[in-house]
Amino acid sequence: MTEKMFNIGRIINTHGVRGEVKIKRITDFAERFQAGETVYIKENEETAIPLIIAHHRIHKGFDLLTFEGMDNINDVEKYKGLYLQIHEEQQAELEENEYYYHEIIGCKVYTAADEELGTIKEILAPGANDVWVLQRAGKKDAYIPYIESVVKRVDVEEKRIMIEPMEGLLD
């Protein structure tokens, strides 16, 4: 059995010639990218390569990383497009009513009247609160703000979310 791994970012490009890579972050935990942290890149299904972060900085809204022993663009170029991952045991404990993206994506969304609305396909983090992208059959996607007045119950075990849509939310 292979150990469960989770995506925390995607290498979208190299930056400069000294081995720095530009990351699109897909985690709320910025500390995952601190110097000394270990992340993994899967080149294929069986092989996860451990990389130790040597340096981290933010530039124009993106995380820029260098890895120990990789100080040249040629060392990192082959990783463009690949995901940075962590092992399941590297996940932090969450507070009550906090969830990992992978726990929410794929959940079915229902109204209080038990009407199925669709499935969460993506999570956006535009600012004050996350926004869940709801994929609906035969309709355009809807955007569900993760706020108390809208999201009433989340059951990650059952993969069910109950919402109370505010006026205009599903139009």
N, C-alpha and C. Protein backbone atom coordinates (compact mmCIF):
# COMPACT_ATOMS: atom_id res chain seq x y z
N MET A 1 0.85 -1.19 0.00
CA MET A 1 0.00 0.00 0.00
C MET A 1 0.88 1.25 0.00
N THR A 2 0.58 2.17 -0.89
CA THR A 2 1.37 3.40 -0.93
C THR A 2 0.83 4.38 0.09
N GLU A 3 1.74 5.13 0.67
CA GLU A 3 1.36 6.11 1.67
C GLU A 3 0.63 7.26 1.01
N LYS A 4 -0.35 7.82 1.72
CA LYS A 4 -1.14 8.91 1.20
C LYS A 4 -0.31 10.19 1.19
N MET A 5 -0.33 10.89 0.07
CA MET A 5 0.40 12.15 -0.07
C MET A 5 -0.61 13.22 -0.50
N PHE A 6 -0.31 14.48 -0.14
CA PHE A 6 -1.21 15.58 -0.45
C PHE A 6 -0.46 16.70 -1.14
N ASN A 7 -1.08 17.28 -2.16
CA ASN A 7 -0.50 18.40 -2.89
C ASN A 7 -0.56 19.65 -2.03
N ILE A 8 0.56 20.40 -2.01
CA ILE A 8 0.58 21.67 -1.29
C ILE A 8 0.94 22.82 -2.22
N GLY A 9 1.39 22.50 -3.42
CA GLY A 9 1.76 23.52 -4.39
C GLY A 9 2.15 22.89 -5.70
N ARG A 10 2.20 23.73 -6.74
CA ARG A 10 2.58 23.24 -8.06
C ARG A 10 3.69 24.12 -8.58
N ILE A 11 4.73 23.51 -9.11
CA ILE A 11 5.83 24.27 -9.70
C ILE A 11 5.37 24.73 -11.07
N ILE A 12 5.16 26.05 -11.20
CA ILE A 12 4.64 26.55 -12.47
C ILE A 12 5.74 27.07 -13.39
N ASN A 13 6.92 27.33 -12.83
CA ASN A 13 8.02 27.78 -13.69
C ASN A 13 9.31 27.87 -12.88
N THR A 14 10.39 28.05 -13.61
CA THR A 14 11.66 28.37 -12.95
C THR A 14 11.71 29.89 -12.82
N HIS A 15 12.61 30.38 -11.98
CA HIS A 15 12.76 31.83 -11.79
C HIS A 15 14.25 32.13 -11.74
N GLY A 16 14.75 32.79 -12.74
CA GLY A 16 16.18 33.08 -12.79
C GLY A 16 16.97 31.83 -13.16
N VAL A 17 18.28 31.88 -12.96
CA VAL A 17 19.15 30.76 -13.37
C VAL A 17 19.78 30.02 -12.19
N ARG A 18 19.44 30.42 -10.96
CA ARG A 18 20.08 29.84 -9.78
C ARG A 18 19.26 28.76 -9.09
N GLY A 19 18.37 28.11 -9.82
CA GLY A 19 17.64 26.98 -9.25
C GLY A 19 16.37 27.34 -8.50
N GLU A 20 15.93 28.58 -8.62
CA GLU A 20 14.71 28.99 -7.93
C GLU A 20 13.50 28.57 -8.76
N VAL A 21 12.43 28.12 -8.07
CA VAL A 21 11.20 27.74 -8.75
C VAL A 21 10.04 28.58 -8.23
N LYS A 22 9.09 28.84 -9.13
CA LYS A 22 7.90 29.63 -8.82
C LYS A 22 6.77 28.65 -8.52
N ILE A 23 6.13 28.83 -7.35
CA ILE A 23 5.12 27.89 -6.86
C ILE A 23 3.75 28.54 -6.84
N LYS A 24 2.74 27.83 -7.32
CA LYS A 24 1.34 28.22 -7.09
C LYS A 24 0.92 27.44 -5.85
N ARG A 25 0.71 28.16 -4.77
CA ARG A 25 0.40 27.53 -3.47
C ARG A 25 -1.03 27.00 -3.46
N ILE A 26 -1.19 25.76 -2.96
CA ILE A 26 -2.53 25.20 -2.76
C ILE A 26 -2.64 24.64 -1.34
N THR A 27 -2.19 25.46 -0.41
CA THR A 27 -2.30 25.15 1.01
C THR A 27 -2.49 26.47 1.75
N ASP A 28 -3.19 26.42 2.87
CA ASP A 28 -3.32 27.61 3.71
C ASP A 28 -2.14 27.76 4.66
N PHE A 29 -1.26 26.76 4.69
CA PHE A 29 -0.17 26.73 5.67
C PHE A 29 1.14 27.19 5.02
N ALA A 30 1.41 28.50 5.11
CA ALA A 30 2.62 29.06 4.51
C ALA A 30 3.88 28.45 5.11
N GLU A 31 3.79 27.99 6.37
CA GLU A 31 4.97 27.42 7.04
C GLU A 31 5.48 26.15 6.35
N ARG A 32 4.68 25.55 5.48
CA ARG A 32 5.14 24.37 4.73
C ARG A 32 6.35 24.69 3.86
N PHE A 33 6.52 25.98 3.53
CA PHE A 33 7.58 26.38 2.61
C PHE A 33 8.79 27.00 3.32
N GLN A 34 8.88 26.84 4.63
CA GLN A 34 10.02 27.38 5.37
C GLN A 34 11.29 26.60 5.06
N ALA A 35 12.42 27.28 5.13
CA ALA A 35 13.71 26.61 4.94
C ALA A 35 13.83 25.47 5.95
N GLY A 36 14.33 24.33 5.47
CA GLY A 36 14.50 23.16 6.32
C GLY A 36 13.36 22.16 6.22
N GLU A 37 12.20 22.59 5.71
CA GLU A 37 11.05 21.68 5.54
C GLU A 37 11.31 20.72 4.38
N THR A 38 10.81 19.51 4.50
CA THR A 38 10.94 18.53 3.43
C THR A 38 9.62 18.42 2.68
N VAL A 39 9.71 18.51 1.36
CA VAL A 39 8.56 18.30 0.48
C VAL A 39 8.96 17.20 -0.50
N TYR A 40 7.98 16.70 -1.22
CA TYR A 40 8.23 15.60 -2.14
C TYR A 40 7.69 15.93 -3.52
N ILE A 41 8.40 15.43 -4.53
CA ILE A 41 7.94 15.54 -5.91
C ILE A 41 7.79 14.13 -6.43
N LYS A 42 6.63 13.86 -7.02
CA LYS A 42 6.40 12.54 -7.61
C LYS A 42 6.70 12.61 -9.09
N GLU A 43 7.76 11.92 -9.50
CA GLU A 43 8.09 11.86 -10.92
C GLU A 43 7.20 10.84 -11.61
N ASN A 44 6.81 9.81 -10.86
CA ASN A 44 5.88 8.80 -11.37
C ASN A 44 5.11 8.25 -10.16
N GLU A 45 4.25 7.26 -10.39
CA GLU A 45 3.40 6.74 -9.31
C GLU A 45 4.17 6.12 -8.15
N GLU A 46 5.31 5.51 -8.43
CA GLU A 46 6.05 4.79 -7.38
C GLU A 46 7.09 5.65 -6.66
N THR A 47 7.64 6.64 -7.33
CA THR A 47 8.79 7.35 -6.80
C THR A 47 8.46 8.76 -6.34
N ALA A 48 8.67 9.02 -5.04
CA ALA A 48 8.53 10.37 -4.49
C ALA A 48 9.92 10.83 -4.07
N ILE A 49 10.39 11.90 -4.69
CA ILE A 49 11.74 12.41 -4.42
C ILE A 49 11.66 13.44 -3.29
N PRO A 50 12.40 13.21 -2.17
CA PRO A 50 12.39 14.22 -1.10
C PRO A 50 13.28 15.41 -1.47
N LEU A 51 12.77 16.60 -1.22
CA LEU A 51 13.54 17.83 -1.46
C LEU A 51 13.48 18.65 -0.18
N ILE A 52 14.63 19.17 0.23
CA ILE A 52 14.68 20.02 1.42
C ILE A 52 14.74 21.46 0.96
N ILE A 53 13.81 22.26 1.47
CA ILE A 53 13.75 23.67 1.09
C ILE A 53 14.94 24.41 1.70
N ALA A 54 15.71 25.08 0.83
CA ALA A 54 16.87 25.84 1.28
C ALA A 54 16.50 27.30 1.54
N HIS A 55 15.61 27.84 0.71
CA HIS A 55 15.26 29.25 0.83
C HIS A 55 13.85 29.48 0.30
N HIS A 56 13.13 30.39 0.94
CA HIS A 56 11.77 30.74 0.53
C HIS A 56 11.61 32.25 0.56
N ARG A 57 10.95 32.78 -0.46
CA ARG A 57 10.57 34.19 -0.46
C ARG A 57 9.30 34.33 -1.29
N ILE A 58 8.62 35.45 -1.11
CA ILE A 58 7.41 35.72 -1.89
C ILE A 58 7.74 36.85 -2.85
N HIS A 59 7.33 36.65 -4.11
CA HIS A 59 7.60 37.63 -5.16
C HIS A 59 6.37 37.73 -6.06
N LYS A 60 5.76 38.92 -6.11
CA LYS A 60 4.57 39.16 -6.94
C LYS A 60 3.47 38.13 -6.68
N GLY A 61 3.24 37.81 -5.41
CA GLY A 61 2.15 36.93 -5.04
C GLY A 61 2.43 35.44 -5.16
N PHE A 62 3.62 35.07 -5.58
CA PHE A 62 3.97 33.66 -5.71
C PHE A 62 5.08 33.31 -4.72
N ASP A 63 5.08 32.05 -4.29
CA ASP A 63 6.17 31.56 -3.45
C ASP A 63 7.32 31.17 -4.36
N LEU A 64 8.51 31.61 -4.04
CA LEU A 64 9.72 31.21 -4.76
C LEU A 64 10.57 30.38 -3.81
N LEU A 65 10.98 29.20 -4.27
CA LEU A 65 11.76 28.28 -3.44
C LEU A 65 13.04 27.88 -4.13
N THR A 66 14.05 27.59 -3.31
CA THR A 66 15.23 26.86 -3.78
C THR A 66 15.35 25.63 -2.89
N PHE A 67 15.95 24.59 -3.44
CA PHE A 67 16.11 23.33 -2.72
C PHE A 67 17.59 23.07 -2.49
N GLU A 68 17.89 22.42 -1.37
CA GLU A 68 19.28 22.10 -1.05
C GLU A 68 19.89 21.27 -2.17
N GLY A 69 21.11 21.64 -2.57
CA GLY A 69 21.84 20.89 -3.59
C GLY A 69 21.39 21.18 -5.02
N MET A 70 20.47 22.10 -5.19
CA MET A 70 20.00 22.45 -6.54
C MET A 70 20.14 23.96 -6.71
N ASP A 71 21.26 24.37 -7.27
CA ASP A 71 21.50 25.81 -7.37
C ASP A 71 21.66 26.26 -8.82
N ASN A 72 21.05 25.50 -9.73
CA ASN A 72 21.16 25.82 -11.14
C ASN A 72 19.81 25.53 -11.80
N ILE A 73 19.45 26.35 -12.77
CA ILE A 73 18.17 26.15 -13.47
C ILE A 73 18.06 24.74 -14.05
N ASN A 74 19.17 24.16 -14.48
CA ASN A 74 19.14 22.82 -15.07
C ASN A 74 18.75 21.74 -14.05
N ASP A 75 18.99 22.01 -12.76
CA ASP A 75 18.65 21.04 -11.71
C ASP A 75 17.14 20.97 -11.49
N VAL A 76 16.42 22.06 -11.76
CA VAL A 76 15.01 22.14 -11.40
C VAL A 76 14.04 22.21 -12.59
N GLU A 77 14.57 22.48 -13.77
CA GLU A 77 13.70 22.66 -14.93
C GLU A 77 12.80 21.45 -15.20
N LYS A 78 13.31 20.26 -14.93
CA LYS A 78 12.54 19.03 -15.18
C LYS A 78 11.32 18.90 -14.27
N TYR A 79 11.24 19.71 -13.21
CA TYR A 79 10.13 19.63 -12.27
C TYR A 79 8.97 20.56 -12.62
N LYS A 80 9.13 21.39 -13.68
CA LYS A 80 8.05 22.30 -14.08
C LYS A 80 6.76 21.52 -14.31
N GLY A 81 5.66 22.01 -13.72
CA GLY A 81 4.36 21.37 -13.90
C GLY A 81 4.05 20.30 -12.87
N LEU A 82 5.04 19.90 -12.08
CA LEU A 82 4.83 18.85 -11.08
C LEU A 82 4.36 19.46 -9.75
N TYR A 83 3.74 18.62 -8.94
CA TYR A 83 3.21 19.07 -7.64
C TYR A 83 4.20 18.80 -6.52
N LEU A 84 4.28 19.74 -5.58
CA LEU A 84 4.99 19.53 -4.33
C LEU A 84 3.99 18.87 -3.39
N GLN A 85 4.44 17.83 -2.69
CA GLN A 85 3.54 17.09 -1.82
C GLN A 85 4.15 16.90 -0.45
N ILE A 86 3.27 16.55 0.49
CA ILE A 86 3.70 16.16 1.83
C ILE A 86 3.06 14.82 2.16
N HIS A 87 3.67 14.10 3.11
CA HIS A 87 3.09 12.86 3.61
C HIS A 87 1.93 13.19 4.54
N GLU A 88 1.03 12.24 4.68
CA GLU A 88 -0.14 12.43 5.54
C GLU A 88 0.26 12.83 6.96
N GLU A 89 1.31 12.22 7.50
CA GLU A 89 1.68 12.54 8.89
C GLU A 89 2.31 13.93 9.04
N GLN A 90 2.62 14.60 7.93
CA GLN A 90 3.14 15.97 7.99
C GLN A 90 2.01 17.00 8.13
N GLN A 91 0.77 16.55 8.01
CA GLN A 91 -0.35 17.47 8.13
C GLN A 91 -0.47 17.96 9.56
N ALA A 92 -0.85 19.21 9.70
CA ALA A 92 -1.04 19.81 11.02
C ALA A 92 -2.44 19.46 11.53
N GLU A 93 -2.58 19.43 12.85
CA GLU A 93 -3.91 19.25 13.45
C GLU A 93 -4.71 20.53 13.21
N LEU A 94 -5.97 20.36 12.88
CA LEU A 94 -6.81 21.51 12.61
C LEU A 94 -7.73 21.81 13.79
N GLU A 95 -8.15 23.05 13.87
CA GLU A 95 -9.14 23.46 14.87
C GLU A 95 -10.51 22.94 14.44
N GLU A 96 -11.47 23.02 15.35
CA GLU A 96 -12.84 22.64 15.02
C GLU A 96 -13.35 23.55 13.89
N ASN A 97 -14.11 22.98 12.96
CA ASN A 97 -14.66 23.68 11.80
C ASN A 97 -13.59 24.18 10.83
N GLU A 98 -12.42 23.57 10.85
CA GLU A 98 -11.38 23.80 9.85
C GLU A 98 -11.19 22.50 9.10
N TYR A 99 -10.93 22.61 7.79
CA TYR A 99 -10.84 21.42 6.96
C TYR A 99 -9.70 21.57 5.96
N TYR A 100 -9.14 20.45 5.58
CA TYR A 100 -8.17 20.45 4.48
C TYR A 100 -8.93 20.50 3.17
N TYR A 101 -8.32 21.11 2.17
CA TYR A 101 -8.96 21.21 0.85
C TYR A 101 -9.41 19.84 0.35
N HIS A 102 -8.54 18.83 0.51
CA HIS A 102 -8.88 17.50 -0.02
C HIS A 102 -10.09 16.89 0.68
N GLU A 103 -10.42 17.38 1.88
CA GLU A 103 -11.59 16.86 2.58
C GLU A 103 -12.88 17.48 2.03
N ILE A 104 -12.79 18.68 1.49
CA ILE A 104 -13.96 19.41 1.00
C ILE A 104 -14.22 19.12 -0.48
N ILE A 105 -13.14 19.09 -1.27
CA ILE A 105 -13.29 18.82 -2.70
C ILE A 105 -13.88 17.42 -2.88
N GLY A 106 -14.95 17.35 -3.68
CA GLY A 106 -15.63 16.07 -3.90
C GLY A 106 -16.87 15.89 -3.04
N CYS A 107 -17.08 16.77 -2.05
CA CYS A 107 -18.27 16.69 -1.21
C CYS A 107 -19.50 17.11 -2.01
N LYS A 108 -20.60 16.45 -1.74
CA LYS A 108 -21.90 16.83 -2.33
C LYS A 108 -22.51 17.92 -1.45
N VAL A 109 -23.17 18.88 -2.11
CA VAL A 109 -23.76 20.01 -1.41
C VAL A 109 -25.28 19.93 -1.50
N TYR A 110 -25.93 20.14 -0.35
CA TYR A 110 -27.38 20.05 -0.24
C TYR A 110 -27.91 21.30 0.44
N THR A 111 -29.20 21.59 0.18
CA THR A 111 -29.88 22.64 0.93
C THR A 111 -30.43 22.02 2.21
N ALA A 112 -30.96 22.85 3.09
CA ALA A 112 -31.57 22.35 4.33
C ALA A 112 -32.77 21.46 4.01
N ALA A 113 -33.40 21.66 2.84
CA ALA A 113 -34.54 20.84 2.42
C ALA A 113 -34.07 19.55 1.73
N ASP A 114 -32.77 19.26 1.81
CA ASP A 114 -32.15 18.05 1.26
C ASP A 114 -32.17 18.00 -0.28
N GLU A 115 -32.19 19.17 -0.91
CA GLU A 115 -32.10 19.24 -2.37
C GLU A 115 -30.61 19.23 -2.75
N GLU A 116 -30.21 18.26 -3.57
CA GLU A 116 -28.81 18.19 -3.98
C GLU A 116 -28.52 19.27 -5.00
N LEU A 117 -27.46 20.04 -4.74
CA LEU A 117 -27.10 21.17 -5.61
C LEU A 117 -25.94 20.85 -6.54
N GLY A 118 -25.02 19.99 -6.11
CA GLY A 118 -23.84 19.68 -6.92
C GLY A 118 -22.69 19.22 -6.05
N THR A 119 -21.48 19.33 -6.60
CA THR A 119 -20.27 18.84 -5.94
C THR A 119 -19.21 19.93 -5.91
N ILE A 120 -18.50 20.03 -4.79
CA ILE A 120 -17.39 20.98 -4.69
C ILE A 120 -16.24 20.47 -5.56
N LYS A 121 -15.80 21.32 -6.52
CA LYS A 121 -14.73 20.89 -7.43
C LYS A 121 -13.42 21.62 -7.19
N GLU A 122 -13.48 22.76 -6.49
CA GLU A 122 -12.27 23.56 -6.32
C GLU A 122 -12.49 24.51 -5.15
N ILE A 123 -11.39 24.99 -4.57
CA ILE A 123 -11.48 25.98 -3.50
C ILE A 123 -10.61 27.16 -3.87
N LEU A 124 -11.19 28.35 -3.80
CA LEU A 124 -10.46 29.58 -4.07
C LEU A 124 -10.20 30.28 -2.74
N ALA A 125 -9.07 30.96 -2.65
CA ALA A 125 -8.74 31.70 -1.42
C ALA A 125 -8.47 33.16 -1.78
N PRO A 126 -9.54 33.91 -2.12
CA PRO A 126 -9.35 35.28 -2.59
C PRO A 126 -9.06 36.31 -1.50
N GLY A 127 -9.33 35.98 -0.26
CA GLY A 127 -9.09 36.99 0.79
C GLY A 127 -9.62 36.57 2.13
N ALA A 128 -10.64 37.29 2.60
CA ALA A 128 -11.14 37.11 3.97
C ALA A 128 -11.59 35.69 4.26
N ASN A 129 -12.23 35.03 3.29
CA ASN A 129 -12.68 33.66 3.52
C ASN A 129 -12.52 32.86 2.22
N ASP A 130 -12.45 31.55 2.36
CA ASP A 130 -12.38 30.69 1.18
C ASP A 130 -13.71 30.73 0.45
N VAL A 131 -13.65 30.44 -0.84
CA VAL A 131 -14.85 30.33 -1.67
C VAL A 131 -14.80 28.95 -2.32
N TRP A 132 -15.88 28.19 -2.14
CA TRP A 132 -15.95 26.84 -2.69
C TRP A 132 -16.66 26.89 -4.03
N VAL A 133 -16.04 26.29 -5.06
CA VAL A 133 -16.63 26.27 -6.39
C VAL A 133 -17.53 25.04 -6.50
N LEU A 134 -18.82 25.30 -6.71
CA LEU A 134 -19.83 24.25 -6.77
C LEU A 134 -20.15 23.92 -8.23
N GLN A 135 -19.82 22.70 -8.62
CA GLN A 135 -20.12 22.23 -9.98
C GLN A 135 -21.54 21.68 -9.99
N ARG A 136 -22.37 22.24 -10.89
CA ARG A 136 -23.78 21.86 -10.94
C ARG A 136 -24.10 21.26 -12.30
N ALA A 137 -24.92 20.22 -12.31
CA ALA A 137 -25.30 19.54 -13.55
C ALA A 137 -26.16 20.47 -14.39
N GLY A 138 -25.73 20.70 -15.63
CA GLY A 138 -26.51 21.50 -16.57
C GLY A 138 -26.58 22.98 -16.27
N LYS A 139 -25.82 23.46 -15.30
CA LYS A 139 -25.81 24.88 -14.95
C LYS A 139 -24.36 25.34 -14.80
N LYS A 140 -24.18 26.66 -14.81
CA LYS A 140 -22.82 27.15 -14.58
C LYS A 140 -22.44 26.97 -13.11
N ASP A 141 -21.14 26.97 -12.85
CA ASP A 141 -20.65 26.80 -11.49
C ASP A 141 -21.19 27.92 -10.59
N ALA A 142 -21.39 27.60 -9.33
CA ALA A 142 -21.79 28.59 -8.33
C ALA A 142 -20.63 28.74 -7.35
N TYR A 143 -20.56 29.88 -6.69
CA TYR A 143 -19.49 30.16 -5.75
C TYR A 143 -20.09 30.29 -4.35
N ILE A 144 -19.66 29.39 -3.46
CA ILE A 144 -20.18 29.32 -2.10
C ILE A 144 -19.14 29.91 -1.14
N PRO A 145 -19.44 31.05 -0.52
CA PRO A 145 -18.48 31.58 0.46
C PRO A 145 -18.49 30.71 1.72
N TYR A 146 -17.31 30.38 2.22
CA TYR A 146 -17.25 29.57 3.45
C TYR A 146 -17.40 30.51 4.64
N ILE A 147 -18.66 30.84 4.91
CA ILE A 147 -19.01 31.69 6.05
C ILE A 147 -20.16 31.03 6.80
N GLU A 148 -20.25 31.35 8.09
CA GLU A 148 -21.22 30.71 8.98
C GLU A 148 -22.66 30.87 8.53
N SER A 149 -23.01 32.02 7.96
CA SER A 149 -24.39 32.25 7.56
C SER A 149 -24.80 31.42 6.34
N VAL A 150 -23.83 30.88 5.60
CA VAL A 150 -24.14 30.08 4.40
C VAL A 150 -23.89 28.59 4.65
N VAL A 151 -22.68 28.25 5.11
CA VAL A 151 -22.33 26.84 5.32
C VAL A 151 -22.79 26.43 6.71
N LYS A 152 -23.80 25.57 6.75
CA LYS A 152 -24.42 25.21 8.03
C LYS A 152 -23.85 23.94 8.64
N ARG A 153 -23.49 22.96 7.81
CA ARG A 153 -22.95 21.72 8.34
C ARG A 153 -22.01 21.09 7.33
N VAL A 154 -20.87 20.59 7.82
CA VAL A 154 -19.90 19.90 6.99
C VAL A 154 -19.64 18.54 7.62
N ASP A 155 -19.85 17.49 6.84
CA ASP A 155 -19.58 16.12 7.30
C ASP A 155 -18.61 15.49 6.32
N VAL A 156 -17.30 15.57 6.67
CA VAL A 156 -16.28 15.06 5.73
C VAL A 156 -16.31 13.54 5.64
N GLU A 157 -16.79 12.86 6.68
CA GLU A 157 -16.90 11.40 6.63
C GLU A 157 -17.93 10.97 5.58
N GLU A 158 -19.08 11.65 5.59
CA GLU A 158 -20.18 11.34 4.65
C GLU A 158 -20.02 12.07 3.32
N LYS A 159 -19.02 13.00 3.26
CA LYS A 159 -18.80 13.83 2.06
C LYS A 159 -20.06 14.64 1.73
N ARG A 160 -20.69 15.22 2.78
CA ARG A 160 -21.93 15.99 2.64
C ARG A 160 -21.76 17.37 3.28
N ILE A 161 -22.24 18.37 2.57
CA ILE A 161 -22.23 19.74 3.08
C ILE A 161 -23.66 20.28 2.96
N MET A 162 -24.16 20.90 4.03
CA MET A 162 -25.47 21.53 3.97
C MET A 162 -25.27 23.04 4.01
N ILE A 163 -25.94 23.72 3.07
CA ILE A 163 -25.83 25.18 3.04
C ILE A 163 -27.21 25.81 3.11
N GLU A 164 -27.22 27.06 3.50
CA GLU A 164 -28.41 27.91 3.48
C GLU A 164 -28.06 29.02 2.49
N PRO A 165 -28.45 28.85 1.21
CA PRO A 165 -28.04 29.82 0.19
C PRO A 165 -28.62 31.21 0.46
N MET A 166 -27.78 32.23 0.42
CA MET A 166 -28.27 33.60 0.54
C MET A 166 -28.90 33.99 -0.79
N GLU A 167 -29.71 35.00 -0.78
CA GLU A 167 -30.42 35.42 -1.98
C GLU A 167 -29.44 35.70 -3.12
N GLY A 168 -29.72 35.14 -4.28
CA GLY A 168 -28.90 35.38 -5.46
C GLY A 168 -27.69 34.47 -5.60
N LEU A 169 -27.40 33.67 -4.57
CA LEU A 169 -26.19 32.86 -4.58
C LEU A 169 -26.18 31.82 -5.70
N LEU A 170 -27.32 31.23 -5.99
CA LEU A 170 -27.39 30.15 -6.96
C LEU A 170 -27.98 30.59 -8.30
N ASP A 171 -28.19 31.90 -8.48
CA ASP A 171 -28.76 32.42 -9.75
C ASP A 171 -27.75 32.40 -10.88
